Amino acid sequence: MTKRLCFLLFCYTFAVNKNDRPVINMKEEQTEEFEMLRKTYTYEPATIFTNQLSNLAFGIGMVVVPMICPFGLRIRRAYILSPAVFSAILITGGVLLLLFTYFSMRKALALKKQGGTITVDNGRVTYPEVRKGKIEYDTFHVSDIEYIKDDEKENQCKISLPDKYVIFETKYFDSFDEYDEFRALLEKKHNNQNTIKS
């Protein structure tokens, strides 16, 4: 009789504990997790001159100044480079800088007209690339990131991948807070992927 009573008491205790367990809605948790993992950012410049004014100023200065007032490079009285040679070097450098700035402004114009977005979806980042005046979307996986470098002078975020570099203009985001969130999200996921690998 005692053994039977102990057995019934044990069964009753187990049933109570089982019923008292909190009910977890797995579907809601998965939905919340998915929403946290997927994030979209607007990526387009306010104007085509965004982040290009300094390059334009330097490029024009390197071309115009030597043409108006050519000067050479010398140490004391000895000329290292004559005015003609040094002016030619400056003008060539200025023309190249203006050319690169022109291509950057063309990309900015395409993003401004067509609109661009960056999407972080789980471990994959989809971002816009301008080719022949049209926006095409490329992707890379966060696990492929070798390092992330912020260039505050150029207002750029440079991401090193095994086969290429991806450069994001920080001023193309709606706000610095959005860029900061995007940057932190990449860093967090990159660290998580490295933790899983190790």
N, C-alpha and C. Protein backbone atom coordinates (compact mmCIF):
# COMPACT_ATOMS: atom_id res chain seq x y z
N MET A 1 0.84 -1.20 0.00
CA MET A 1 0.00 0.00 0.00
C MET A 1 0.87 1.25 0.00
N THR A 2 1.93 1.22 0.74
CA THR A 2 2.83 2.38 0.82
C THR A 2 3.50 2.64 -0.50
N LYS A 3 3.95 1.55 -1.16
CA LYS A 3 4.62 1.70 -2.46
C LYS A 3 3.67 2.28 -3.49
N ARG A 4 2.41 1.81 -3.45
CA ARG A 4 1.43 2.30 -4.42
C ARG A 4 1.12 3.77 -4.18
N LEU A 5 1.05 4.17 -2.91
CA LEU A 5 0.78 5.56 -2.56
C LEU A 5 1.92 6.47 -3.01
N CYS A 6 3.16 6.01 -2.83
CA CYS A 6 4.33 6.78 -3.26
C CYS A 6 4.34 6.95 -4.78
N PHE A 7 3.97 5.88 -5.49
CA PHE A 7 3.95 5.93 -6.96
C PHE A 7 2.91 6.94 -7.46
N LEU A 8 1.71 6.93 -6.83
CA LEU A 8 0.67 7.88 -7.22
C LEU A 8 1.07 9.31 -6.92
N LEU A 9 1.73 9.50 -5.75
CA LEU A 9 2.20 10.84 -5.38
C LEU A 9 3.23 11.35 -6.38
N PHE A 10 4.13 10.47 -6.83
CA PHE A 10 5.16 10.83 -7.81
C PHE A 10 4.54 11.24 -9.15
N CYS A 11 3.54 10.44 -9.59
CA CYS A 11 2.85 10.74 -10.85
C CYS A 11 2.12 12.07 -10.79
N TYR A 12 1.50 12.36 -9.66
CA TYR A 12 0.78 13.61 -9.49
C TYR A 12 1.74 14.81 -9.52
N THR A 13 2.87 14.68 -8.85
CA THR A 13 3.86 15.77 -8.82
C THR A 13 4.40 16.05 -10.23
N PHE A 14 4.69 15.00 -10.97
CA PHE A 14 5.22 15.13 -12.34
C PHE A 14 4.19 15.82 -13.24
N ALA A 15 2.91 15.45 -13.08
CA ALA A 15 1.86 16.04 -13.91
C ALA A 15 1.69 17.52 -13.61
N VAL A 16 1.77 17.92 -12.35
CA VAL A 16 1.64 19.32 -11.96
C VAL A 16 2.78 20.13 -12.53
N ASN A 17 4.02 19.62 -12.39
CA ASN A 17 5.20 20.33 -12.91
C ASN A 17 5.12 20.49 -14.42
N LYS A 18 4.63 19.46 -15.08
CA LYS A 18 4.53 19.50 -16.54
C LYS A 18 3.53 20.55 -16.97
N ASN A 19 2.39 20.64 -16.28
CA ASN A 19 1.36 21.60 -16.66
C ASN A 19 1.77 23.02 -16.31
N ASP A 20 2.65 23.19 -15.31
CA ASP A 20 3.06 24.52 -14.89
C ASP A 20 4.13 25.12 -15.78
N ARG A 21 4.68 24.33 -16.68
CA ARG A 21 5.72 24.86 -17.54
C ARG A 21 5.15 25.92 -18.46
N PRO A 22 5.90 27.03 -18.69
CA PRO A 22 5.38 28.09 -19.57
C PRO A 22 5.30 27.62 -21.00
N VAL A 23 4.26 28.06 -21.69
CA VAL A 23 4.07 27.70 -23.09
C VAL A 23 4.83 28.69 -23.95
N ILE A 24 5.72 28.20 -24.81
CA ILE A 24 6.54 29.05 -25.67
C ILE A 24 6.02 28.97 -27.09
N ASN A 25 5.68 30.12 -27.64
CA ASN A 25 5.21 30.17 -29.03
C ASN A 25 6.42 30.26 -29.95
N MET A 26 6.82 29.12 -30.52
CA MET A 26 8.01 29.06 -31.35
C MET A 26 7.83 29.87 -32.63
N LYS A 27 6.62 29.92 -33.12
CA LYS A 27 6.37 30.65 -34.36
C LYS A 27 6.64 32.14 -34.17
N GLU A 28 6.19 32.71 -33.02
CA GLU A 28 6.42 34.12 -32.76
C GLU A 28 7.90 34.40 -32.58
N GLU A 29 8.61 33.50 -31.88
CA GLU A 29 10.04 33.70 -31.68
C GLU A 29 10.79 33.69 -33.00
N GLN A 30 10.44 32.76 -33.89
CA GLN A 30 11.10 32.68 -35.18
C GLN A 30 10.82 33.92 -36.02
N THR A 31 9.58 34.45 -35.94
CA THR A 31 9.23 35.66 -36.69
C THR A 31 10.03 36.85 -36.19
N GLU A 32 10.12 36.99 -34.86
CA GLU A 32 10.89 38.10 -34.29
C GLU A 32 12.36 37.98 -34.66
N GLU A 33 12.90 36.77 -34.65
CA GLU A 33 14.30 36.56 -34.99
C GLU A 33 14.54 36.92 -36.45
N PHE A 34 13.59 36.54 -37.34
CA PHE A 34 13.73 36.85 -38.76
C PHE A 34 13.72 38.36 -38.98
N GLU A 35 12.82 39.06 -38.26
CA GLU A 35 12.74 40.51 -38.41
C GLU A 35 14.02 41.17 -37.92
N MET A 36 14.65 40.62 -36.92
CA MET A 36 15.89 41.18 -36.41
C MET A 36 17.03 40.94 -37.39
N LEU A 37 16.99 39.80 -38.08
CA LEU A 37 18.09 39.45 -38.97
C LEU A 37 18.00 40.19 -40.31
N ARG A 38 16.82 40.61 -40.71
CA ARG A 38 16.64 41.28 -42.00
C ARG A 38 16.45 42.79 -41.79
N LYS A 39 17.31 43.57 -42.42
CA LYS A 39 17.26 45.02 -42.27
C LYS A 39 17.62 45.68 -43.59
N THR A 40 16.84 46.70 -43.98
CA THR A 40 17.06 47.39 -45.24
C THR A 40 17.37 48.86 -44.98
N TYR A 41 18.38 49.38 -45.69
CA TYR A 41 18.80 50.78 -45.55
C TYR A 41 18.73 51.48 -46.90
N THR A 42 18.25 52.72 -46.89
CA THR A 42 18.28 53.54 -48.10
C THR A 42 19.71 53.99 -48.35
N TYR A 43 20.14 53.85 -49.60
CA TYR A 43 21.53 54.18 -49.95
C TYR A 43 21.53 55.02 -51.22
N GLU A 44 21.45 56.33 -51.05
CA GLU A 44 21.51 57.24 -52.18
C GLU A 44 21.96 58.62 -51.70
N PRO A 45 22.71 59.35 -52.52
CA PRO A 45 23.23 60.65 -52.09
C PRO A 45 22.16 61.73 -52.14
N ALA A 46 22.35 62.77 -51.34
CA ALA A 46 21.43 63.91 -51.39
C ALA A 46 21.58 64.65 -52.71
N THR A 47 22.84 64.84 -53.16
CA THR A 47 23.13 65.43 -54.47
C THR A 47 24.31 64.68 -55.07
N ILE A 48 24.59 64.95 -56.35
CA ILE A 48 25.72 64.28 -57.00
C ILE A 48 27.05 64.81 -56.48
N PHE A 49 27.02 65.96 -55.77
CA PHE A 49 28.25 66.54 -55.24
C PHE A 49 28.56 66.04 -53.83
N THR A 50 27.70 65.19 -53.28
CA THR A 50 27.93 64.66 -51.93
C THR A 50 29.26 63.93 -51.87
N ASN A 51 30.14 64.39 -50.97
CA ASN A 51 31.44 63.76 -50.74
C ASN A 51 32.41 63.94 -51.92
N GLN A 52 32.12 64.88 -52.84
CA GLN A 52 32.98 65.08 -54.01
C GLN A 52 33.56 66.49 -54.09
N LEU A 53 33.11 67.39 -53.25
CA LEU A 53 33.53 68.79 -53.37
C LEU A 53 35.03 68.97 -53.16
N SER A 54 35.60 68.27 -52.20
CA SER A 54 37.04 68.41 -51.94
C SER A 54 37.86 67.90 -53.12
N ASN A 55 37.44 66.77 -53.71
CA ASN A 55 38.15 66.25 -54.87
C ASN A 55 38.06 67.21 -56.06
N LEU A 56 36.89 67.81 -56.25
CA LEU A 56 36.74 68.78 -57.32
C LEU A 56 37.66 69.98 -57.11
N ALA A 57 37.70 70.49 -55.89
CA ALA A 57 38.52 71.66 -55.58
C ALA A 57 40.00 71.36 -55.80
N PHE A 58 40.46 70.21 -55.29
CA PHE A 58 41.87 69.84 -55.47
C PHE A 58 42.21 69.63 -56.94
N GLY A 59 41.33 68.92 -57.65
CA GLY A 59 41.58 68.64 -59.06
C GLY A 59 41.67 69.90 -59.89
N ILE A 60 40.72 70.82 -59.69
CA ILE A 60 40.74 72.08 -60.44
C ILE A 60 41.97 72.90 -60.08
N GLY A 61 42.31 72.93 -58.78
CA GLY A 61 43.50 73.67 -58.35
C GLY A 61 44.78 73.13 -58.95
N MET A 62 44.89 71.80 -59.02
CA MET A 62 46.10 71.19 -59.59
C MET A 62 46.25 71.45 -61.08
N VAL A 63 45.14 71.74 -61.74
CA VAL A 63 45.20 72.03 -63.18
C VAL A 63 45.40 73.53 -63.43
N VAL A 64 44.62 74.36 -62.72
CA VAL A 64 44.59 75.79 -63.01
C VAL A 64 45.85 76.51 -62.52
N VAL A 65 46.27 76.24 -61.29
CA VAL A 65 47.40 76.98 -60.70
C VAL A 65 48.69 76.83 -61.52
N PRO A 66 49.11 75.62 -61.91
CA PRO A 66 50.33 75.52 -62.71
C PRO A 66 50.22 76.19 -64.09
N MET A 67 49.00 76.24 -64.63
CA MET A 67 48.83 76.90 -65.94
C MET A 67 48.96 78.41 -65.83
N ILE A 68 48.46 78.98 -64.72
CA ILE A 68 48.53 80.43 -64.53
C ILE A 68 49.91 80.85 -64.03
N CYS A 69 50.41 80.11 -63.06
CA CYS A 69 51.68 80.46 -62.43
C CYS A 69 52.55 79.21 -62.27
N PRO A 70 53.25 78.79 -63.34
CA PRO A 70 54.08 77.58 -63.24
C PRO A 70 55.25 77.77 -62.27
N PHE A 71 55.54 76.75 -61.53
CA PHE A 71 56.67 76.81 -60.59
C PHE A 71 57.34 75.44 -60.53
N GLY A 72 58.61 75.47 -60.17
CA GLY A 72 59.38 74.23 -60.10
C GLY A 72 59.61 73.80 -58.67
N LEU A 73 60.40 72.77 -58.53
CA LEU A 73 60.75 72.24 -57.21
C LEU A 73 62.26 72.29 -57.08
N ARG A 74 62.71 72.98 -56.07
CA ARG A 74 64.16 73.10 -55.91
C ARG A 74 64.55 73.09 -54.44
N ILE A 75 65.80 72.75 -54.21
CA ILE A 75 66.40 72.80 -52.88
C ILE A 75 67.51 73.84 -52.94
N ARG A 76 67.34 74.90 -52.17
CA ARG A 76 68.20 76.07 -52.24
C ARG A 76 68.23 76.61 -53.67
N ARG A 77 69.38 76.56 -54.32
CA ARG A 77 69.45 77.10 -55.68
C ARG A 77 69.39 76.02 -56.75
N ALA A 78 69.46 74.76 -56.31
CA ALA A 78 69.47 73.66 -57.28
C ALA A 78 68.04 73.22 -57.58
N TYR A 79 67.67 73.22 -58.86
CA TYR A 79 66.36 72.76 -59.30
C TYR A 79 66.31 71.24 -59.31
N ILE A 80 65.35 70.67 -58.61
CA ILE A 80 65.10 69.24 -58.67
C ILE A 80 64.21 68.94 -59.87
N LEU A 81 63.17 69.76 -60.00
CA LEU A 81 62.27 69.67 -61.16
C LEU A 81 62.05 71.08 -61.70
N SER A 82 62.17 71.22 -63.00
CA SER A 82 61.96 72.53 -63.62
C SER A 82 60.48 72.88 -63.57
N PRO A 83 60.15 74.18 -63.72
CA PRO A 83 58.73 74.58 -63.71
C PRO A 83 57.89 73.84 -64.75
N ALA A 84 58.44 73.59 -65.92
CA ALA A 84 57.67 72.91 -66.97
C ALA A 84 57.35 71.47 -66.57
N VAL A 85 58.37 70.76 -66.06
CA VAL A 85 58.16 69.35 -65.69
C VAL A 85 57.22 69.23 -64.50
N PHE A 86 57.46 70.05 -63.47
CA PHE A 86 56.63 69.96 -62.26
C PHE A 86 55.19 70.35 -62.56
N SER A 87 55.00 71.37 -63.40
CA SER A 87 53.64 71.78 -63.79
C SER A 87 52.94 70.67 -64.56
N ALA A 88 53.69 69.97 -65.43
CA ALA A 88 53.10 68.87 -66.20
C ALA A 88 52.65 67.75 -65.27
N ILE A 89 53.45 67.47 -64.24
CA ILE A 89 53.09 66.42 -63.27
C ILE A 89 51.82 66.81 -62.52
N LEU A 90 51.77 68.06 -62.06
CA LEU A 90 50.59 68.52 -61.32
C LEU A 90 49.33 68.50 -62.20
N ILE A 91 49.46 68.96 -63.43
CA ILE A 91 48.30 69.00 -64.32
C ILE A 91 47.81 67.59 -64.63
N THR A 92 48.74 66.66 -64.87
CA THR A 92 48.35 65.26 -65.13
C THR A 92 47.63 64.66 -63.93
N GLY A 93 48.18 64.90 -62.74
CA GLY A 93 47.53 64.40 -61.52
C GLY A 93 46.15 65.01 -61.32
N GLY A 94 46.03 66.32 -61.61
CA GLY A 94 44.74 66.98 -61.46
C GLY A 94 43.69 66.45 -62.43
N VAL A 95 44.12 66.19 -63.68
CA VAL A 95 43.20 65.65 -64.67
C VAL A 95 42.72 64.26 -64.26
N LEU A 96 43.63 63.42 -63.76
CA LEU A 96 43.25 62.08 -63.31
C LEU A 96 42.28 62.15 -62.13
N LEU A 97 42.55 63.06 -61.20
CA LEU A 97 41.66 63.22 -60.04
C LEU A 97 40.28 63.68 -60.49
N LEU A 98 40.22 64.60 -61.43
CA LEU A 98 38.93 65.05 -61.95
C LEU A 98 38.20 63.93 -62.70
N LEU A 99 38.97 63.08 -63.38
CA LEU A 99 38.36 61.97 -64.10
C LEU A 99 37.72 60.97 -63.13
N PHE A 100 38.45 60.62 -62.06
CA PHE A 100 37.89 59.71 -61.05
C PHE A 100 36.67 60.34 -60.37
N THR A 101 36.75 61.65 -60.12
CA THR A 101 35.62 62.34 -59.50
C THR A 101 34.40 62.32 -60.42
N TYR A 102 34.63 62.47 -61.72
CA TYR A 102 33.55 62.43 -62.70
C TYR A 102 32.84 61.07 -62.67
N PHE A 103 33.62 59.97 -62.62
CA PHE A 103 33.02 58.64 -62.56
C PHE A 103 32.23 58.45 -61.27
N SER A 104 32.76 58.97 -60.17
CA SER A 104 32.04 58.88 -58.89
C SER A 104 30.73 59.66 -58.93
N MET A 105 30.75 60.81 -59.58
CA MET A 105 29.54 61.63 -59.69
C MET A 105 28.51 60.97 -60.61
N ARG A 106 28.98 60.25 -61.64
CA ARG A 106 28.05 59.50 -62.49
C ARG A 106 27.35 58.40 -61.69
N LYS A 107 28.11 57.71 -60.84
CA LYS A 107 27.51 56.69 -59.98
C LYS A 107 26.49 57.31 -59.03
N ALA A 108 26.87 58.46 -58.45
CA ALA A 108 25.97 59.16 -57.53
C ALA A 108 24.68 59.58 -58.24
N LEU A 109 24.81 60.02 -59.49
CA LEU A 109 23.64 60.44 -60.26
C LEU A 109 22.70 59.26 -60.52
N ALA A 110 23.27 58.10 -60.86
CA ALA A 110 22.45 56.91 -61.09
C ALA A 110 21.73 56.48 -59.81
N LEU A 111 22.44 56.51 -58.68
CA LEU A 111 21.81 56.15 -57.41
C LEU A 111 20.73 57.16 -57.03
N LYS A 112 20.98 58.44 -57.34
CA LYS A 112 20.00 59.47 -57.02
C LYS A 112 18.73 59.31 -57.86
N LYS A 113 18.88 59.00 -59.14
CA LYS A 113 17.73 58.87 -60.03
C LYS A 113 16.95 57.57 -59.78
N GLN A 114 17.68 56.46 -59.68
CA GLN A 114 17.03 55.15 -59.61
C GLN A 114 16.77 54.70 -58.18
N GLY A 115 17.51 55.26 -57.23
CA GLY A 115 17.34 54.86 -55.83
C GLY A 115 18.06 53.56 -55.54
N GLY A 116 18.73 53.50 -54.43
CA GLY A 116 19.47 52.30 -54.05
C GLY A 116 19.17 51.89 -52.62
N THR A 117 19.28 50.61 -52.35
CA THR A 117 19.08 50.10 -51.00
C THR A 117 20.15 49.06 -50.66
N ILE A 118 20.44 48.95 -49.39
CA ILE A 118 21.33 47.90 -48.88
C ILE A 118 20.50 47.03 -47.95
N THR A 119 20.56 45.72 -48.16
CA THR A 119 19.79 44.79 -47.34
C THR A 119 20.73 43.82 -46.64
N VAL A 120 20.59 43.73 -45.33
CA VAL A 120 21.30 42.73 -44.54
C VAL A 120 20.29 41.66 -44.18
N ASP A 121 20.45 40.48 -44.78
CA ASP A 121 19.49 39.39 -44.58
C ASP A 121 20.25 38.18 -44.04
N ASN A 122 20.10 37.97 -42.74
CA ASN A 122 20.83 36.90 -42.06
C ASN A 122 22.33 37.13 -42.24
N GLY A 123 23.02 36.27 -42.95
CA GLY A 123 24.46 36.45 -43.12
C GLY A 123 24.85 36.98 -44.47
N ARG A 124 23.88 37.52 -45.23
CA ARG A 124 24.15 37.99 -46.59
C ARG A 124 23.82 39.47 -46.72
N VAL A 125 24.71 40.21 -47.40
CA VAL A 125 24.52 41.64 -47.63
C VAL A 125 24.33 41.87 -49.12
N THR A 126 23.22 42.53 -49.49
CA THR A 126 22.95 42.88 -50.89
C THR A 126 23.10 44.39 -51.02
N TYR A 127 23.91 44.83 -51.98
CA TYR A 127 24.21 46.26 -52.12
C TYR A 127 24.22 46.66 -53.59
N PRO A 128 23.99 47.96 -53.89
CA PRO A 128 23.92 48.40 -55.29
C PRO A 128 25.29 48.72 -55.86
N GLU A 129 25.48 48.34 -57.12
CA GLU A 129 26.67 48.72 -57.90
C GLU A 129 26.18 49.35 -59.19
N VAL A 130 26.81 50.45 -59.60
CA VAL A 130 26.42 51.12 -60.83
C VAL A 130 27.33 50.67 -61.96
N ARG A 131 26.73 50.09 -62.98
CA ARG A 131 27.48 49.65 -64.17
C ARG A 131 26.79 50.19 -65.42
N LYS A 132 27.55 50.96 -66.19
CA LYS A 132 27.03 51.56 -67.43
C LYS A 132 25.77 52.36 -67.18
N GLY A 133 25.77 53.10 -66.09
CA GLY A 133 24.66 53.98 -65.77
C GLY A 133 23.44 53.30 -65.18
N LYS A 134 23.51 52.00 -64.95
CA LYS A 134 22.38 51.27 -64.38
C LYS A 134 22.79 50.59 -63.08
N ILE A 135 21.81 50.47 -62.18
CA ILE A 135 22.07 49.84 -60.88
C ILE A 135 21.90 48.33 -61.00
N GLU A 136 22.92 47.61 -60.56
CA GLU A 136 22.85 46.16 -60.43
C GLU A 136 23.21 45.82 -58.99
N TYR A 137 22.61 44.75 -58.50
CA TYR A 137 22.83 44.40 -57.10
C TYR A 137 23.78 43.21 -56.98
N ASP A 138 24.80 43.40 -56.15
CA ASP A 138 25.75 42.34 -55.82
C ASP A 138 25.53 41.90 -54.38
N THR A 139 26.07 40.76 -54.05
CA THR A 139 25.95 40.25 -52.68
C THR A 139 27.30 39.74 -52.18
N PHE A 140 27.45 39.74 -50.88
CA PHE A 140 28.57 39.05 -50.25
C PHE A 140 28.10 38.52 -48.90
N HIS A 141 28.79 37.52 -48.41
CA HIS A 141 28.44 36.92 -47.13
C HIS A 141 29.31 37.52 -46.02
N VAL A 142 28.70 37.77 -44.90
CA VAL A 142 29.41 38.36 -43.77
C VAL A 142 30.59 37.49 -43.35
N SER A 143 30.45 36.18 -43.52
CA SER A 143 31.53 35.26 -43.14
C SER A 143 32.76 35.44 -44.01
N ASP A 144 32.61 36.07 -45.20
CA ASP A 144 33.74 36.29 -46.11
C ASP A 144 34.53 37.55 -45.78
N ILE A 145 34.02 38.38 -44.88
CA ILE A 145 34.69 39.64 -44.56
C ILE A 145 36.02 39.36 -43.86
N GLU A 146 37.09 39.95 -44.40
CA GLU A 146 38.40 39.81 -43.77
C GLU A 146 38.62 40.90 -42.72
N TYR A 147 38.26 42.13 -43.08
CA TYR A 147 38.29 43.21 -42.09
C TYR A 147 37.43 44.37 -42.58
N ILE A 148 37.07 45.26 -41.66
CA ILE A 148 36.27 46.45 -41.96
C ILE A 148 37.07 47.67 -41.49
N LYS A 149 37.23 48.64 -42.39
CA LYS A 149 38.02 49.83 -42.07
C LYS A 149 37.20 51.08 -42.33
N ASP A 150 37.14 51.97 -41.33
CA ASP A 150 36.45 53.25 -41.47
C ASP A 150 37.45 54.33 -41.85
N ASP A 151 37.17 55.05 -42.93
CA ASP A 151 38.00 56.17 -43.36
C ASP A 151 37.20 57.45 -43.11
N GLU A 152 37.47 58.08 -41.97
CA GLU A 152 36.68 59.24 -41.58
C GLU A 152 36.97 60.45 -42.48
N LYS A 153 38.19 60.56 -43.00
CA LYS A 153 38.52 61.70 -43.87
C LYS A 153 37.76 61.62 -45.18
N GLU A 154 37.65 60.41 -45.73
CA GLU A 154 36.95 60.22 -47.00
C GLU A 154 35.47 59.91 -46.81
N ASN A 155 35.04 59.78 -45.56
CA ASN A 155 33.65 59.40 -45.25
C ASN A 155 33.26 58.09 -45.95
N GLN A 156 34.12 57.10 -45.77
CA GLN A 156 33.90 55.81 -46.43
C GLN A 156 34.10 54.67 -45.45
N CYS A 157 33.42 53.56 -45.74
CA CYS A 157 33.60 52.31 -45.01
C CYS A 157 34.11 51.28 -46.01
N LYS A 158 35.31 50.78 -45.80
CA LYS A 158 35.94 49.86 -46.73
C LYS A 158 35.91 48.44 -46.16
N ILE A 159 35.34 47.53 -46.93
CA ILE A 159 35.21 46.14 -46.51
C ILE A 159 36.07 45.27 -47.41
N SER A 160 36.96 44.54 -46.80
CA SER A 160 37.87 43.66 -47.55
C SER A 160 37.29 42.26 -47.63
N LEU A 161 37.13 41.78 -48.87
CA LEU A 161 36.67 40.42 -49.14
C LEU A 161 37.82 39.65 -49.80
N PRO A 162 37.73 38.33 -49.88
CA PRO A 162 38.84 37.55 -50.46
C PRO A 162 39.21 37.96 -51.89
N ASP A 163 38.23 38.40 -52.68
CA ASP A 163 38.51 38.68 -54.10
C ASP A 163 38.33 40.15 -54.49
N LYS A 164 37.89 41.01 -53.55
CA LYS A 164 37.66 42.41 -53.91
C LYS A 164 37.46 43.26 -52.65
N TYR A 165 37.37 44.57 -52.89
CA TYR A 165 37.02 45.53 -51.85
C TYR A 165 35.65 46.10 -52.16
N VAL A 166 34.84 46.30 -51.14
CA VAL A 166 33.56 46.98 -51.28
C VAL A 166 33.63 48.26 -50.46
N ILE A 167 33.32 49.39 -51.10
CA ILE A 167 33.40 50.69 -50.44
C ILE A 167 32.00 51.29 -50.34
N PHE A 168 31.60 51.62 -49.12
CA PHE A 168 30.32 52.29 -48.89
C PHE A 168 30.58 53.74 -48.50
N GLU A 169 29.86 54.65 -49.16
CA GLU A 169 29.93 56.07 -48.81
C GLU A 169 29.02 56.31 -47.61
N THR A 170 29.59 56.75 -46.50
CA THR A 170 28.79 56.90 -45.28
C THR A 170 27.73 57.98 -45.42
N LYS A 171 27.97 59.00 -46.26
CA LYS A 171 27.01 60.09 -46.42
C LYS A 171 25.84 59.71 -47.33
N TYR A 172 25.88 58.54 -47.94
CA TYR A 172 24.76 58.09 -48.78
C TYR A 172 23.63 57.49 -47.95
N PHE A 173 23.90 57.18 -46.69
CA PHE A 173 22.84 56.68 -45.81
C PHE A 173 21.95 57.85 -45.39
N ASP A 174 20.73 57.54 -44.98
CA ASP A 174 19.78 58.58 -44.58
C ASP A 174 20.32 59.43 -43.44
N SER A 175 21.05 58.81 -42.55
CA SER A 175 21.63 59.54 -41.41
C SER A 175 22.84 58.77 -40.91
N PHE A 176 23.63 59.44 -40.09
CA PHE A 176 24.79 58.77 -39.52
C PHE A 176 24.36 57.66 -38.57
N ASP A 177 23.21 57.85 -37.91
CA ASP A 177 22.70 56.80 -37.01
C ASP A 177 22.40 55.51 -37.78
N GLU A 178 21.85 55.66 -39.00
CA GLU A 178 21.57 54.47 -39.81
C GLU A 178 22.87 53.79 -40.24
N TYR A 179 23.85 54.61 -40.64
CA TYR A 179 25.14 54.01 -41.01
C TYR A 179 25.77 53.31 -39.81
N ASP A 180 25.69 53.96 -38.66
CA ASP A 180 26.27 53.38 -37.44
C ASP A 180 25.60 52.05 -37.10
N GLU A 181 24.28 51.97 -37.30
CA GLU A 181 23.54 50.73 -37.05
C GLU A 181 23.98 49.64 -38.04
N PHE A 182 24.11 50.03 -39.32
CA PHE A 182 24.57 49.10 -40.36
C PHE A 182 25.97 48.59 -40.05
N ARG A 183 26.85 49.49 -39.67
CA ARG A 183 28.24 49.14 -39.34
C ARG A 183 28.29 48.19 -38.15
N ALA A 184 27.51 48.48 -37.13
CA ALA A 184 27.47 47.64 -35.93
C ALA A 184 26.90 46.26 -36.24
N LEU A 185 25.90 46.22 -37.13
CA LEU A 185 25.28 44.96 -37.52
C LEU A 185 26.28 44.07 -38.25
N LEU A 186 27.05 44.67 -39.16
CA LEU A 186 28.09 43.90 -39.86
C LEU A 186 29.14 43.37 -38.89
N GLU A 187 29.55 44.22 -37.99
CA GLU A 187 30.58 43.84 -37.02
C GLU A 187 30.10 42.70 -36.12
N LYS A 188 28.83 42.82 -35.68
CA LYS A 188 28.26 41.80 -34.78
C LYS A 188 28.16 40.46 -35.48
N LYS A 189 27.63 40.47 -36.72
CA LYS A 189 27.45 39.23 -37.45
C LYS A 189 28.80 38.62 -37.84
N HIS A 190 29.75 39.51 -38.17
CA HIS A 190 31.09 39.03 -38.52
C HIS A 190 31.73 38.32 -37.32
N ASN A 191 31.60 38.93 -36.14
CA ASN A 191 32.14 38.32 -34.92
C ASN A 191 31.44 37.01 -34.58
N ASN A 192 30.11 36.97 -34.79
CA ASN A 192 29.36 35.75 -34.51
C ASN A 192 29.78 34.62 -35.44
N GLN A 193 30.00 34.94 -36.72
CA GLN A 193 30.41 33.92 -37.69
C GLN A 193 31.79 33.38 -37.31
N ASN A 194 32.70 34.26 -36.90
CA ASN A 194 34.03 33.82 -36.50
C ASN A 194 33.97 32.95 -35.26
N THR A 195 33.06 33.26 -34.33
CA THR A 195 32.91 32.46 -33.12
C THR A 195 32.41 31.07 -33.47
N ILE A 196 31.45 31.01 -34.42
CA ILE A 196 30.90 29.70 -34.83
C ILE A 196 31.97 28.87 -35.51
N LYS A 197 32.80 29.51 -36.36
CA LYS A 197 33.85 28.78 -37.07
C LYS A 197 34.89 28.20 -36.12
N SER A 198 35.28 29.03 -35.14
CA SER A 198 36.30 28.58 -34.21
C SER A 198 35.73 27.60 -33.19
